[in-house]
C-alpha atoms as a PDB file:
ATOM      1  CA  UNK A   1      25.257  13.587   6.553  1.00  0.00           C
ATOM      2  CA  UNK A   2      22.745  15.763   4.673  1.00  0.00           C
ATOM      3  CA  UNK A   3      19.104  14.897   3.951  1.00  0.00           C
ATOM      4  CA  UNK A   4      17.334  17.546   1.879  1.00  0.00           C
ATOM      5  CA  UNK A   5      20.085  20.012   2.819  1.00  0.00           C
ATOM      6  CA  UNK A   6      19.531  19.305   6.526  1.00  0.00           C
ATOM      7  CA  UNK A   7      22.581  18.212   8.554  1.00  0.00           C
ATOM      8  CA  UNK A   8      21.393  15.163  10.508  1.00  0.00           C
ATOM      9  CA  UNK A   9      24.752  14.129  11.963  1.00  0.00           C
ATOM     10  CA  UNK A  10      23.528  14.709  15.510  1.00  0.00           C
ATOM     11  CA  UNK A  11      19.836  13.994  14.926  1.00  0.00           C
ATOM     12  CA  UNK A  12      17.974  11.191  16.670  1.00  0.00           C
ATOM     13  CA  UNK A  13      16.937   8.092  14.719  1.00  0.00           C
ATOM     14  CA  UNK A  14      13.279   9.154  14.567  1.00  0.00           C
ATOM     15  CA  UNK A  15      14.186  12.477  12.916  1.00  0.00           C
ATOM     16  CA  UNK A  16      16.397  10.732  10.362  1.00  0.00           C
ATOM     17  CA  UNK A  17      13.679   8.200   9.610  1.00  0.00           C
ATOM     18  CA  UNK A  18      11.101  10.983   9.106  1.00  0.00           C
ATOM     19  CA  UNK A  19      13.368  12.933   6.751  1.00  0.00           C
ATOM     20  CA  UNK A  20      14.168   9.822   4.733  1.00  0.00           C
ATOM     21  CA  UNK A  21      10.457   9.080   4.382  1.00  0.00           C
ATOM     22  CA  UNK A  22       9.674  12.642   3.297  1.00  0.00           C
ATOM     23  CA  UNK A  23      12.406  12.598   0.651  1.00  0.00           C
ATOM     24  CA  UNK A  24      11.424   9.337  -1.012  1.00  0.00           C
ATOM     25  CA  UNK A  25      10.591   9.687  -4.698  1.00  0.00           C
ATOM     26  CA  UNK A  26       7.244   7.894  -5.102  1.00  0.00           C
ATOM     27  CA  UNK A  27       5.256   6.857  -8.176  1.00  0.00           C
ATOM     28  CA  UNK A  28       2.203   9.027  -8.883  1.00  0.00           C
ATOM     29  CA  UNK A  29      -0.409   9.584 -11.559  1.00  0.00           C
ATOM     30  CA  UNK A  30      -2.376  12.773 -12.205  1.00  0.00           C
ATOM     31  CA  UNK A  31      -6.042  12.693 -11.188  1.00  0.00           C
ATOM     32  CA  UNK A  32      -7.096  13.521 -14.756  1.00  0.00           C
ATOM     33  CA  UNK A  33      -5.712  10.155 -15.875  1.00  0.00           C
ATOM     34  CA  UNK A  34      -7.276   8.002 -13.149  1.00  0.00           C
ATOM     35  CA  UNK A  35     -10.237   7.081 -15.373  1.00  0.00           C
ATOM     36  CA  UNK A  36      -7.742   5.124 -17.480  1.00  0.00           C
ATOM     37  CA  UNK A  37      -6.696   2.973 -14.518  1.00  0.00           C
ATOM     38  CA  UNK A  38      -8.906   0.054 -15.594  1.00  0.00           C
ATOM     39  CA  UNK A  39      -5.800  -0.890 -17.540  1.00  0.00           C
ATOM     40  CA  UNK A  40      -3.240   0.005 -14.919  1.00  0.00           C
ATOM     41  CA  UNK A  41      -0.301  -1.265 -16.946  1.00  0.00           C
ATOM     42  CA  UNK A  42      -1.016   1.097 -19.831  1.00  0.00           C
ATOM     43  CA  UNK A  43      -1.967   4.010 -17.562  1.00  0.00           C
ATOM     44  CA  UNK A  44       1.166   3.807 -15.412  1.00  0.00           C
ATOM     45  CA  UNK A  45       3.456   3.342 -18.402  1.00  0.00           C
ATOM     46  CA  UNK A  46       1.930   6.390 -20.086  1.00  0.00           C
ATOM     47  CA  UNK A  47       1.300   8.718 -17.183  1.00  0.00           C
ATOM     48  CA  UNK A  48       3.297   7.571 -14.151  1.00  0.00           C
ATOM     49  CA  UNK A  49       5.882   9.962 -12.729  1.00  0.00           C
ATOM     50  CA  UNK A  50       7.964  10.176  -9.574  1.00  0.00           C
ATOM     51  CA  UNK A  51       7.499  12.944  -7.047  1.00  0.00           C
ATOM     52  CA  UNK A  52       8.996  13.697  -3.637  1.00  0.00           C
ATOM     53  CA  UNK A  53       6.719  12.183  -0.979  1.00  0.00           C
ATOM     54  CA  UNK A  54       6.831  15.109   1.453  1.00  0.00           C
ATOM     55  CA  UNK A  55       5.084  15.643   4.768  1.00  0.00           C
ATOM     56  CA  UNK A  56       1.334  15.006   5.072  1.00  0.00           C
ATOM     57  CA  UNK A  57       0.972  17.894   7.562  1.00  0.00           C
ATOM     58  CA  UNK A  58       2.598  20.575   5.371  1.00  0.00           C
ATOM     59  CA  UNK A  59       0.509  21.849   2.455  1.00  0.00           C
ATOM     60  CA  UNK A  60       2.393  21.881  -0.830  1.00  0.00           C
ATOM     61  CA  UNK A  61       5.343  19.906   0.537  1.00  0.00           C
ATOM     62  CA  UNK A  62       5.076  16.989  -1.873  1.00  0.00           C
ATOM     63  CA  UNK A  63       2.931  14.089  -3.044  1.00  0.00           C
ATOM     64  CA  UNK A  64       1.294  13.644   0.387  1.00  0.00           C
ATOM     65  CA  UNK A  65      -0.545  16.976  -0.062  1.00  0.00           C
ATOM     66  CA  UNK A  66      -0.662  17.253  -3.869  1.00  0.00           C
ATOM     67  CA  UNK A  67      -4.357  17.549  -4.737  1.00  0.00           C
ATOM     68  CA  UNK A  68      -3.679  17.131  -8.465  1.00  0.00           C
ATOM     69  CA  UNK A  69      -2.356  13.567  -8.281  1.00  0.00           C
ATOM     70  CA  UNK A  70      -2.407  10.333  -6.319  1.00  0.00           C
ATOM     71  CA  UNK A  71       0.376   7.975  -5.234  1.00  0.00           C
ATOM     72  CA  UNK A  72       0.162   4.417  -6.593  1.00  0.00           C
ATOM     73  CA  UNK A  73       0.052   1.782  -3.834  1.00  0.00           C
ATOM     74  CA  UNK A  74       0.202  -1.960  -4.656  1.00  0.00           C
ATOM     75  CA  UNK A  75      -2.010  -3.790  -2.152  1.00  0.00           C
ATOM     76  CA  UNK A  76      -1.772  -7.581  -1.933  1.00  0.00           C
ATOM     77  CA  UNK A  77      -4.608  -9.576  -0.337  1.00  0.00           C
ATOM     78  CA  UNK A  78      -3.500 -13.066   0.693  1.00  0.00           C
ATOM     79  CA  UNK A  79      -6.162 -15.809   0.812  1.00  0.00           C
ATOM     80  CA  UNK A  80      -5.715 -19.318   2.211  1.00  0.00           C
ATOM     81  CA  UNK A  81      -8.471 -21.968   2.467  1.00  0.00           C
ATOM     82  CA  UNK A  82     -11.085 -19.297   1.890  1.00  0.00           C
ATOM     83  CA  UNK A  83      -9.804 -17.020   4.668  1.00  0.00           C
ATOM     84  CA  UNK A  84      -8.018 -13.676   4.391  1.00  0.00           C
ATOM     85  CA  UNK A  85      -4.729 -12.727   6.044  1.00  0.00           C
ATOM     86  CA  UNK A  86      -5.508  -9.937   8.507  1.00  0.00           C
ATOM     87  CA  UNK A  87      -3.129  -7.896  10.640  1.00  0.00           C
ATOM     88  CA  UNK A  88      -2.826  -4.751  12.727  1.00  0.00           C
ATOM     89  CA  UNK A  89      -0.005  -2.215  12.359  1.00  0.00           C
ATOM     90  CA  UNK A  90       1.649  -1.062  15.553  1.00  0.00           C
ATOM     91  CA  UNK A  91       3.283   2.256  16.372  1.00  0.00           C
ATOM     92  CA  UNK A  92       6.601   1.211  14.792  1.00  0.00           C
ATOM     93  CA  UNK A  93       4.963   1.643  11.399  1.00  0.00           C
ATOM     94  CA  UNK A  94       5.846   4.868   9.563  1.00  0.00           C
ATOM     95  CA  UNK A  95       2.193   5.256   8.513  1.00  0.00           C
ATOM     96  CA  UNK A  96       0.691   6.706  11.699  1.00  0.00           C
ATOM     97  CA  UNK A  97      -2.770   7.009  10.127  1.00  0.00           C
ATOM     98  CA  UNK A  98      -3.075   3.200  10.143  1.00  0.00           C
ATOM     99  CA  UNK A  99      -1.942   2.532  13.711  1.00  0.00           C
ATOM    100  CA  UNK A 100      -4.248   0.178  15.635  1.00  0.00           C
ATOM    101  CA  UNK A 101      -6.528  -0.448  12.638  1.00  0.00           C
ATOM    102  CA  UNK A 102      -6.923  -3.867  11.064  1.00  0.00           C
ATOM    103  CA  UNK A 103      -5.887  -4.350   7.436  1.00  0.00           C
ATOM    104  CA  UNK A 104      -6.046  -7.101   4.832  1.00  0.00           C
ATOM    105  CA  UNK A 105      -3.600  -5.473   2.399  1.00  0.00           C
ATOM    106  CA  UNK A 106       0.160  -5.844   2.235  1.00  0.00           C
ATOM    107  CA  UNK A 107       1.731  -2.992   0.304  1.00  0.00           C
ATOM    108  CA  UNK A 108       3.321   0.425   0.213  1.00  0.00           C
ATOM    109  CA  UNK A 109       4.728   3.150  -1.981  1.00  0.00           C
ATOM    110  CA  UNK A 110       6.496   2.512  -5.280  1.00  0.00           C
ATOM    111  CA  UNK A 111       9.977   4.046  -5.110  1.00  0.00           C
ATOM    112  CA  UNK A 112      12.478   4.960  -7.803  1.00  0.00           C
ATOM    113  CA  UNK A 113      14.654   2.006  -6.849  1.00  0.00           C
ATOM    114  CA  UNK A 114      11.779  -0.282  -7.924  1.00  0.00           C
ATOM    115  CA  UNK A 115      12.292   0.669 -11.564  1.00  0.00           C
ATOM    116  CA  UNK A 116      10.037   2.465 -14.020  1.00  0.00           C
ATOM    117  CA  UNK A 117       6.433   2.185 -15.169  1.00  0.00           C
ATOM    118  CA  UNK A 118       4.286  -0.854 -14.473  1.00  0.00           C
ATOM    119  CA  UNK A 119       7.339  -3.020 -13.798  1.00  0.00           C
ATOM    120  CA  UNK A 120       8.096  -0.777 -10.814  1.00  0.00           C
ATOM    121  CA  UNK A 121       4.615  -1.488  -9.409  1.00  0.00           C
ATOM    122  CA  UNK A 122       5.208  -5.239  -9.639  1.00  0.00           C
ATOM    123  CA  UNK A 123       8.682  -4.940  -8.119  1.00  0.00           C
ATOM    124  CA  UNK A 124       7.350  -2.807  -5.256  1.00  0.00           C
ATOM    125  CA  UNK A 125       4.592  -5.314  -4.485  1.00  0.00           C
ATOM    126  CA  UNK A 126       7.180  -8.094  -4.181  1.00  0.00           C
ATOM    127  CA  UNK A 127       9.523  -5.939  -2.088  1.00  0.00           C
ATOM    128  CA  UNK A 128       6.770  -4.888   0.309  1.00  0.00           C
ATOM    129  CA  UNK A 129       5.528  -8.464   0.696  1.00  0.00           C
ATOM    130  CA  UNK A 130       9.002  -9.722   1.566  1.00  0.00           C
ATOM    131  CA  UNK A 131       9.590  -6.819   3.972  1.00  0.00           C
ATOM    132  CA  UNK A 132       6.245  -7.170   5.726  1.00  0.00           C
ATOM    133  CA  UNK A 133       5.588 -10.929   5.870  1.00  0.00           C
ATOM    134  CA  UNK A 134       8.688 -12.568   4.303  1.00  0.00           C
ATOM    135  CA  UNK A 135       6.930 -14.273   1.380  1.00  0.00           C
ATOM    136  CA  UNK A 136       7.122 -13.920  -2.406  1.00  0.00           C
ATOM    137  CA  UNK A 137       3.679 -13.520  -4.017  1.00  0.00           C
ATOM    138  CA  UNK A 138       2.782 -16.066  -6.665  1.00  0.00           C
ATOM    139  CA  UNK A 139      -0.536 -16.660  -8.394  1.00  0.00           C
ATOM    140  CA  UNK A 140      -2.840 -13.644  -8.781  1.00  0.00           C
ATOM    141  CA  UNK A 141      -6.492 -14.747  -8.738  1.00  0.00           C
ATOM    142  CA  UNK A 142      -8.993 -12.963 -10.960  1.00  0.00           C
ATOM    143  CA  UNK A 143      -9.234  -9.270 -11.707  1.00  0.00           C
ATOM    144  CA  UNK A 144      -7.442  -6.426  -9.986  1.00  0.00           C
ATOM    145  CA  UNK A 145      -9.276  -4.107  -7.612  1.00  0.00           C
ATOM    146  CA  UNK A 146      -8.738  -0.382  -8.154  1.00  0.00           C
ATOM    147  CA  UNK A 147      -9.206   1.496  -4.861  1.00  0.00           C
ATOM    148  CA  UNK A 148     -10.064   5.099  -5.653  1.00  0.00           C
ATOM    149  CA  UNK A 149     -11.711   6.639  -2.594  1.00  0.00           C
ATOM    150  CA  UNK A 150     -11.701  10.138  -1.123  1.00  0.00           C
ATOM    151  CA  UNK A 151     -13.178   9.501   2.304  1.00  0.00           C
ATOM    152  CA  UNK A 152     -10.094  10.222   4.415  1.00  0.00           C
ATOM    153  CA  UNK A 153      -6.578  11.673   4.321  1.00  0.00           C
ATOM    154  CA  UNK A 154      -5.005   8.441   3.135  1.00  0.00           C
ATOM    155  CA  UNK A 155      -7.451   7.895   0.275  1.00  0.00           C
ATOM    156  CA  UNK A 156      -7.373  11.476  -0.983  1.00  0.00           C
ATOM    157  CA  UNK A 157      -3.700  11.182  -1.909  1.00  0.00           C
ATOM    158  CA  UNK A 158      -3.293   7.460  -2.660  1.00  0.00           C
ATOM    159  CA  UNK A 159      -4.668   5.110  -5.323  1.00  0.00           C
ATOM    160  CA  UNK A 160      -4.744   1.427  -4.437  1.00  0.00           C
ATOM    161  CA  UNK A 161      -3.987  -1.356  -6.902  1.00  0.00           C
ATOM    162  CA  UNK A 162      -5.162  -4.519  -5.118  1.00  0.00           C
ATOM    163  CA  UNK A 163      -4.780  -8.125  -6.179  1.00  0.00           C
ATOM    164  CA  UNK A 164      -5.855 -11.393  -4.550  1.00  0.00           C
ATOM    165  CA  UNK A 165      -2.934 -13.785  -3.975  1.00  0.00           C
ATOM    166  CA  UNK A 166      -3.710 -17.478  -3.467  1.00  0.00           C
ATOM    167  CA  UNK A 167      -0.208 -18.898  -3.838  1.00  0.00           C
ATOM    168  CA  UNK A 168       3.173 -17.791  -2.515  1.00  0.00           C
ATOM    169  CA  UNK A 169       6.693 -18.944  -1.727  1.00  0.00           C
ATOM    170  CA  UNK A 170       8.036 -18.897   1.813  1.00  0.00           C
ATOM    171  CA  UNK A 171       6.635 -19.017   5.322  1.00  0.00           C
ATOM    172  CA  UNK A 172       4.775 -16.029   6.728  1.00  0.00           C
ATOM    173  CA  UNK A 173       6.939 -14.189   9.267  1.00  0.00           C
ATOM    174  CA  UNK A 174       6.032 -10.811  10.680  1.00  0.00           C
ATOM    175  CA  UNK A 175       7.985  -7.571  10.527  1.00  0.00           C
ATOM    176  CA  UNK A 176       8.340  -5.595  13.745  1.00  0.00           C
ATOM    177  CA  UNK A 177       5.639  -3.194  12.485  1.00  0.00           C
ATOM    178  CA  UNK A 178       2.920  -5.864  12.737  1.00  0.00           C
ATOM    179  CA  UNK A 179       1.446  -7.059  16.042  1.00  0.00           C
ATOM    180  CA  UNK A 180       0.164 -10.370  14.711  1.00  0.00           C
ATOM    181  CA  UNK A 181      -1.868 -11.987  11.967  1.00  0.00           C
ATOM    182  CA  UNK A 182      -5.113 -13.919  11.767  1.00  0.00           C
ATOM    183  CA  UNK A 183      -6.849 -15.755   8.936  1.00  0.00           C
ATOM    184  CA  UNK A 184     -10.468 -14.544   8.923  1.00  0.00           C
ATOM    185  CA  UNK A 185     -13.633 -15.096   6.916  1.00  0.00           C
ATOM    186  CA  UNK A 186     -15.448 -12.136   5.373  1.00  0.00           C
ATOM    187  CA  UNK A 187     -18.101 -12.340   8.099  1.00  0.00           C
ATOM    188  CA  UNK A 188     -15.403 -12.177  10.766  1.00  0.00           C
ATOM    189  CA  UNK A 189     -13.681  -9.273   9.014  1.00  0.00           C
ATOM    190  CA  UNK A 190     -16.843  -7.216   9.046  1.00  0.00           C
ATOM    191  CA  UNK A 191     -16.729  -7.331  12.863  1.00  0.00           C
ATOM    192  CA  UNK A 192     -13.235  -5.781  12.984  1.00  0.00           C
ATOM    193  CA  UNK A 193     -12.203  -2.124  13.044  1.00  0.00           C
ATOM    194  CA  UNK A 194     -10.853  -2.067   9.494  1.00  0.00           C
ATOM    195  CA  UNK A 195      -9.003   0.750   7.773  1.00  0.00           C
ATOM    196  CA  UNK A 196     -10.918   2.241   4.843  1.00  0.00           C
ATOM    197  CA  UNK A 197      -9.279   0.367   1.979  1.00  0.00           C
ATOM    198  CA  UNK A 198      -9.722  -2.991   3.689  1.00  0.00           C
ATOM    199  CA  UNK A 199     -13.367  -2.234   4.400  1.00  0.00           C
ATOM    200  CA  UNK A 200     -13.901  -1.393   0.721  1.00  0.00           C
ATOM    201  CA  UNK A 201     -12.078  -4.523  -0.467  1.00  0.00           C
ATOM    202  CA  UNK A 202     -14.112  -6.804   1.801  1.00  0.00           C
ATOM    203  CA  UNK A 203     -17.220  -5.665  -0.089  1.00  0.00           C
ATOM    204  CA  UNK A 204     -15.584  -6.324  -3.465  1.00  0.00           C
ATOM    205  CA  UNK A 205     -14.316  -9.719  -2.313  1.00  0.00           C
ATOM    206  CA  UNK A 206     -17.801 -10.737  -1.259  1.00  0.00           C
ATOM    207  CA  UNK A 207     -19.299  -9.640  -4.587  1.00  0.00           C
ATOM    208  CA  UNK A 208     -16.625 -10.690  -7.070  1.00  0.00           C
ATOM    209  CA  UNK A 209     -14.360 -13.288  -5.429  1.00  0.00           C
ATOM    210  CA  UNK A 210     -16.811 -15.653  -3.795  1.00  0.00           C
ATOM    211  CA  UNK A 211     -15.134 -18.635  -5.406  1.00  0.00           C
ATOM    212  CA  UNK A 212     -11.965 -18.149  -3.335  1.00  0.00           C
ATOM    213  CA  UNK A 213     -13.078 -16.241  -0.210  1.00  0.00           C
ATOM    214  CA  UNK A 214     -15.601 -17.355   2.413  1.00  0.00           C
END
């Protein structure tokens, strides 16, 4: 079995998993087009392209170190009775930079198998939701939240496309990458050790989504 011309027949499962992650083709958009992301559907349809994900520790290896573009990440925020679904990723998660930090977003990379353009973003958001918490997202409340930060390694190479979900199909069940979930108010969330995107979104939720979030 070859992955990126590397024979992995006798490799351990962790090595195979790492190589598969690095060789994913993920949806990106060039930084020069990010100002158009207020209309993400148009921007992704016009300017989205797939690029090998690569290794975040190797400069020039792929999208994870490409300073000219950002990877599009759908980020679903589930709200129930005014409280926000909150969880913590454990060390089984492939995203080591988020281990042991609390998050309010369910999401991940958009892959080629998700389709093309904006439809791929929607398909990826559904796929990630089912994989992570076993539910199909339904009603999207209000406007989208564009997360364009540069404060850490994750934000420098990823662009978040967040939406608030107040209705879904199925019962929440956790993947093995999540230690547990809680439903928390915004005040309670501000007391947690949140990853950067979640911390940013809590501020936006308080300012713009007060009708659905406590």
